Amino acid sequence: MTKINNYEELVAERIRLQNELKKQKSFFKAEINEVKTKLEPIGDVISFLGIFRGKNTANPSLLKTGVSMGIDLLVRDKLSKANWVIRALIPAVLKGISNQIIKKKMPSTKMVE
């Protein structure tokens, strides 16, 4: 970088830096869009399965709680020798699938105020 000696050089350096900033912003936007397009199939699969959604706190269900505890108890013994990724992933997937099945089978109930 050269030393700035007068106002015109300062203005020219400012314009150069602003142009460089615009280039970097467009580069990052392009990179983010590329990552989004690459991850889109994964998002489609997750939304199709309906897992990894937030818990519905408006309608807590004893059946859902029981199924969740049952999955924890049954699967924990079967997967005790598996690696940690499988021990974490399989129960989460089973709980998500079972919650979706329960939600489809059970009629929706309205909360009484």
C-alpha atoms as a PDB file:
ATOM      1  CA  MET A   1       0.000   0.000   0.000  1.00  0.00           C
ATOM      2  CA  THR A   2       1.301   3.413  -0.877  1.00  0.00           C
ATOM      3  CA  LYS A   3       1.242   6.425   1.358  1.00  0.00           C
ATOM      4  CA  ILE A   4      -1.642   8.833   0.703  1.00  0.00           C
ATOM      5  CA  ASN A   5      -0.335  12.378   0.274  1.00  0.00           C
ATOM      6  CA  ASN A   6      -3.362  14.481  -0.669  1.00  0.00           C
ATOM      7  CA  TYR A   7      -7.140  14.571  -0.725  1.00  0.00           C
ATOM      8  CA  GLU A   8      -7.492  13.292  -4.317  1.00  0.00           C
ATOM      9  CA  GLU A   9      -5.485  10.168  -3.468  1.00  0.00           C
ATOM     10  CA  LEU A  10      -7.668   9.658  -0.387  1.00  0.00           C
ATOM     11  CA  VAL A  11     -10.849   9.869  -2.467  1.00  0.00           C
ATOM     12  CA  ALA A  12      -9.405   7.489  -5.076  1.00  0.00           C
ATOM     13  CA  GLU A  13      -8.452   4.991  -2.345  1.00  0.00           C
ATOM     14  CA  ARG A  14     -11.944   5.218  -0.855  1.00  0.00           C
ATOM     15  CA  ILE A  15     -13.539   4.491  -4.237  1.00  0.00           C
ATOM     16  CA  ARG A  16     -11.161   1.568  -4.789  1.00  0.00           C
ATOM     17  CA  LEU A  17     -12.033   0.105  -1.382  1.00  0.00           C
ATOM     18  CA  GLN A  18     -15.770   0.522  -2.000  1.00  0.00           C
ATOM     19  CA  ASN A  19     -15.454  -1.303  -5.320  1.00  0.00           C
ATOM     20  CA  GLU A  20     -13.465  -4.074  -3.640  1.00  0.00           C
ATOM     21  CA  LEU A  21     -16.189  -4.367  -0.986  1.00  0.00           C
ATOM     22  CA  LYS A  22     -18.860  -4.701  -3.700  1.00  0.00           C
ATOM     23  CA  LYS A  23     -16.838  -7.472  -5.362  1.00  0.00           C
ATOM     24  CA  GLN A  24     -16.467  -9.336  -2.069  1.00  0.00           C
ATOM     25  CA  LYS A  25     -20.181  -9.027  -1.289  1.00  0.00           C
ATOM     26  CA  SER A  26     -21.168 -10.399  -4.685  1.00  0.00           C
ATOM     27  CA  PHE A  27     -18.649 -13.234  -4.278  1.00  0.00           C
ATOM     28  CA  PHE A  28     -20.096 -14.180  -0.869  1.00  0.00           C
ATOM     29  CA  LYS A  29     -23.668 -14.016  -2.174  1.00  0.00           C
ATOM     30  CA  ALA A  30     -22.745 -16.338  -5.020  1.00  0.00           C
ATOM     31  CA  GLU A  31     -21.075 -18.763  -2.594  1.00  0.00           C
ATOM     32  CA  ILE A  32     -24.082 -18.741  -0.256  1.00  0.00           C
ATOM     33  CA  ASN A  33     -26.469 -19.375  -3.151  1.00  0.00           C
ATOM     34  CA  GLU A  34     -24.293 -22.274  -4.298  1.00  0.00           C
ATOM     35  CA  VAL A  35     -24.343 -23.822  -0.819  1.00  0.00           C
ATOM     36  CA  LYS A  36     -28.124 -23.362  -0.631  1.00  0.00           C
ATOM     37  CA  THR A  37     -28.632 -25.163  -3.921  1.00  0.00           C
ATOM     38  CA  LYS A  38     -26.375 -28.012  -2.835  1.00  0.00           C
ATOM     39  CA  LEU A  39     -28.234 -28.411   0.488  1.00  0.00           C
ATOM     40  CA  GLU A  40     -31.715 -28.132  -1.030  1.00  0.00           C
ATOM     41  CA  PRO A  41     -32.206 -31.923  -1.480  1.00  0.00           C
ATOM     42  CA  ILE A  42     -31.398 -32.498   2.189  1.00  0.00           C
ATOM     43  CA  GLY A  43     -33.979 -29.915   3.223  1.00  0.00           C
ATOM     44  CA  ASP A  44     -36.558 -31.552   0.980  1.00  0.00           C
ATOM     45  CA  VAL A  45     -35.961 -34.953   2.600  1.00  0.00           C
ATOM     46  CA  ILE A  46     -36.182 -33.529   6.121  1.00  0.00           C
ATOM     47  CA  SER A  47     -39.390 -31.630   5.367  1.00  0.00           C
ATOM     48  CA  PHE A  48     -40.861 -34.727   3.678  1.00  0.00           C
ATOM     49  CA  LEU A  49     -40.170 -36.899   6.707  1.00  0.00           C
ATOM     50  CA  GLY A  50     -41.377 -34.176   9.066  1.00  0.00           C
ATOM     51  CA  ILE A  51     -38.655 -34.841  11.600  1.00  0.00           C
ATOM     52  CA  PHE A  52     -36.536 -32.326  13.486  1.00  0.00           C
ATOM     53  CA  ARG A  53     -39.443 -29.958  13.943  1.00  0.00           C
ATOM     54  CA  GLY A  54     -39.960 -28.094  17.143  1.00  0.00           C
ATOM     55  CA  LYS A  55     -42.109 -29.740  19.750  1.00  0.00           C
ATOM     56  CA  ASN A  56     -45.747 -28.740  19.775  1.00  0.00           C
ATOM     57  CA  THR A  57     -46.149 -27.334  23.266  1.00  0.00           C
ATOM     58  CA  ALA A  58     -49.765 -26.292  22.703  1.00  0.00           C
ATOM     59  CA  ASN A  59     -51.006 -29.890  22.756  1.00  0.00           C
ATOM     60  CA  PRO A  60     -48.806 -32.143  24.902  1.00  0.00           C
ATOM     61  CA  SER A  61     -49.875 -35.715  24.476  1.00  0.00           C
ATOM     62  CA  LEU A  62     -49.479 -38.545  26.943  1.00  0.00           C
ATOM     63  CA  LEU A  63     -49.278 -40.961  24.025  1.00  0.00           C
ATOM     64  CA  LYS A  64     -46.395 -39.050  22.411  1.00  0.00           C
ATOM     65  CA  THR A  65     -44.554 -38.936  25.720  1.00  0.00           C
ATOM     66  CA  GLY A  66     -45.040 -42.656  26.249  1.00  0.00           C
ATOM     67  CA  VAL A  67     -43.848 -43.501  22.758  1.00  0.00           C
ATOM     68  CA  SER A  68     -40.817 -41.275  23.186  1.00  0.00           C
ATOM     69  CA  MET A  69     -39.894 -42.920  26.488  1.00  0.00           C
ATOM     70  CA  GLY A  70     -40.495 -46.379  25.006  1.00  0.00           C
ATOM     71  CA  ILE A  71     -38.190 -45.635  22.086  1.00  0.00           C
ATOM     72  CA  ASP A  72     -35.523 -44.403  24.487  1.00  0.00           C
ATOM     73  CA  LEU A  73     -35.739 -47.531  26.625  1.00  0.00           C
ATOM     74  CA  LEU A  74     -35.928 -50.075  23.805  1.00  0.00           C
ATOM     75  CA  VAL A  75     -33.421 -48.550  21.435  1.00  0.00           C
ATOM     76  CA  ARG A  76     -30.868 -47.651  24.113  1.00  0.00           C
ATOM     77  CA  ASP A  77     -30.326 -51.316  24.980  1.00  0.00           C
ATOM     78  CA  LYS A  78     -30.116 -52.439  21.358  1.00  0.00           C
ATOM     79  CA  LEU A  79     -27.665 -49.712  20.336  1.00  0.00           C
ATOM     80  CA  SER A  80     -25.411 -49.800  23.395  1.00  0.00           C
ATOM     81  CA  LYS A  81     -22.413 -51.014  21.362  1.00  0.00           C
ATOM     82  CA  ALA A  82     -22.986 -48.800  18.303  1.00  0.00           C
ATOM     83  CA  ASN A  83     -21.029 -45.624  17.686  1.00  0.00           C
ATOM     84  CA  TRP A  84     -22.263 -42.333  19.108  1.00  0.00           C
ATOM     85  CA  VAL A  85     -23.639 -41.011  15.816  1.00  0.00           C
ATOM     86  CA  ILE A  86     -25.996 -43.953  15.422  1.00  0.00           C
ATOM     87  CA  ARG A  87     -26.967 -43.818  19.109  1.00  0.00           C
ATOM     88  CA  ALA A  88     -27.963 -40.168  18.660  1.00  0.00           C
ATOM     89  CA  LEU A  89     -29.514 -40.349  15.197  1.00  0.00           C
ATOM     90  CA  ILE A  90     -31.686 -43.480  15.287  1.00  0.00           C
ATOM     91  CA  PRO A  91     -33.805 -42.490  18.339  1.00  0.00           C
ATOM     92  CA  ALA A  92     -34.327 -38.983  16.944  1.00  0.00           C
ATOM     93  CA  VAL A  93     -35.498 -40.346  13.593  1.00  0.00           C
ATOM     94  CA  LEU A  94     -37.776 -42.930  15.238  1.00  0.00           C
ATOM     95  CA  LYS A  95     -39.303 -40.281  17.519  1.00  0.00           C
ATOM     96  CA  GLY A  96     -39.900 -37.945  14.582  1.00  0.00           C
ATOM     97  CA  ILE A  97     -41.558 -40.656  12.513  1.00  0.00           C
ATOM     98  CA  SER A  98     -43.697 -41.883  15.409  1.00  0.00           C
ATOM     99  CA  ASN A  99     -44.822 -38.326  16.216  1.00  0.00           C
ATOM    100  CA  GLN A 100     -45.871 -37.832  12.594  1.00  0.00           C
ATOM    101  CA  ILE A 101     -47.824 -41.099  12.620  1.00  0.00           C
ATOM    102  CA  ILE A 102     -49.534 -40.177  15.888  1.00  0.00           C
ATOM    103  CA  LYS A 103     -50.379 -36.720  14.571  1.00  0.00           C
ATOM    104  CA  LYS A 104     -51.965 -38.222  11.441  1.00  0.00           C
ATOM    105  CA  LYS A 105     -53.942 -40.857  13.355  1.00  0.00           C
ATOM    106  CA  MET A 106     -55.154 -38.681  16.245  1.00  0.00           C
ATOM    107  CA  PRO A 107     -57.863 -36.092  15.636  1.00  0.00           C
ATOM    108  CA  SER A 108     -56.735 -32.606  16.478  1.00  0.00           C
ATOM    109  CA  THR A 109     -58.099 -31.280  19.750  1.00  0.00           C
ATOM    110  CA  LYS A 110     -58.691 -27.640  20.528  1.00  0.00           C
ATOM    111  CA  MET A 111     -57.524 -26.116  23.764  1.00  0.00           C
ATOM    112  CA  VAL A 112     -60.322 -24.847  25.993  1.00  0.00           C
ATOM    113  CA  GLU A 113     -59.686 -21.366  27.335  1.00  0.00           C
END
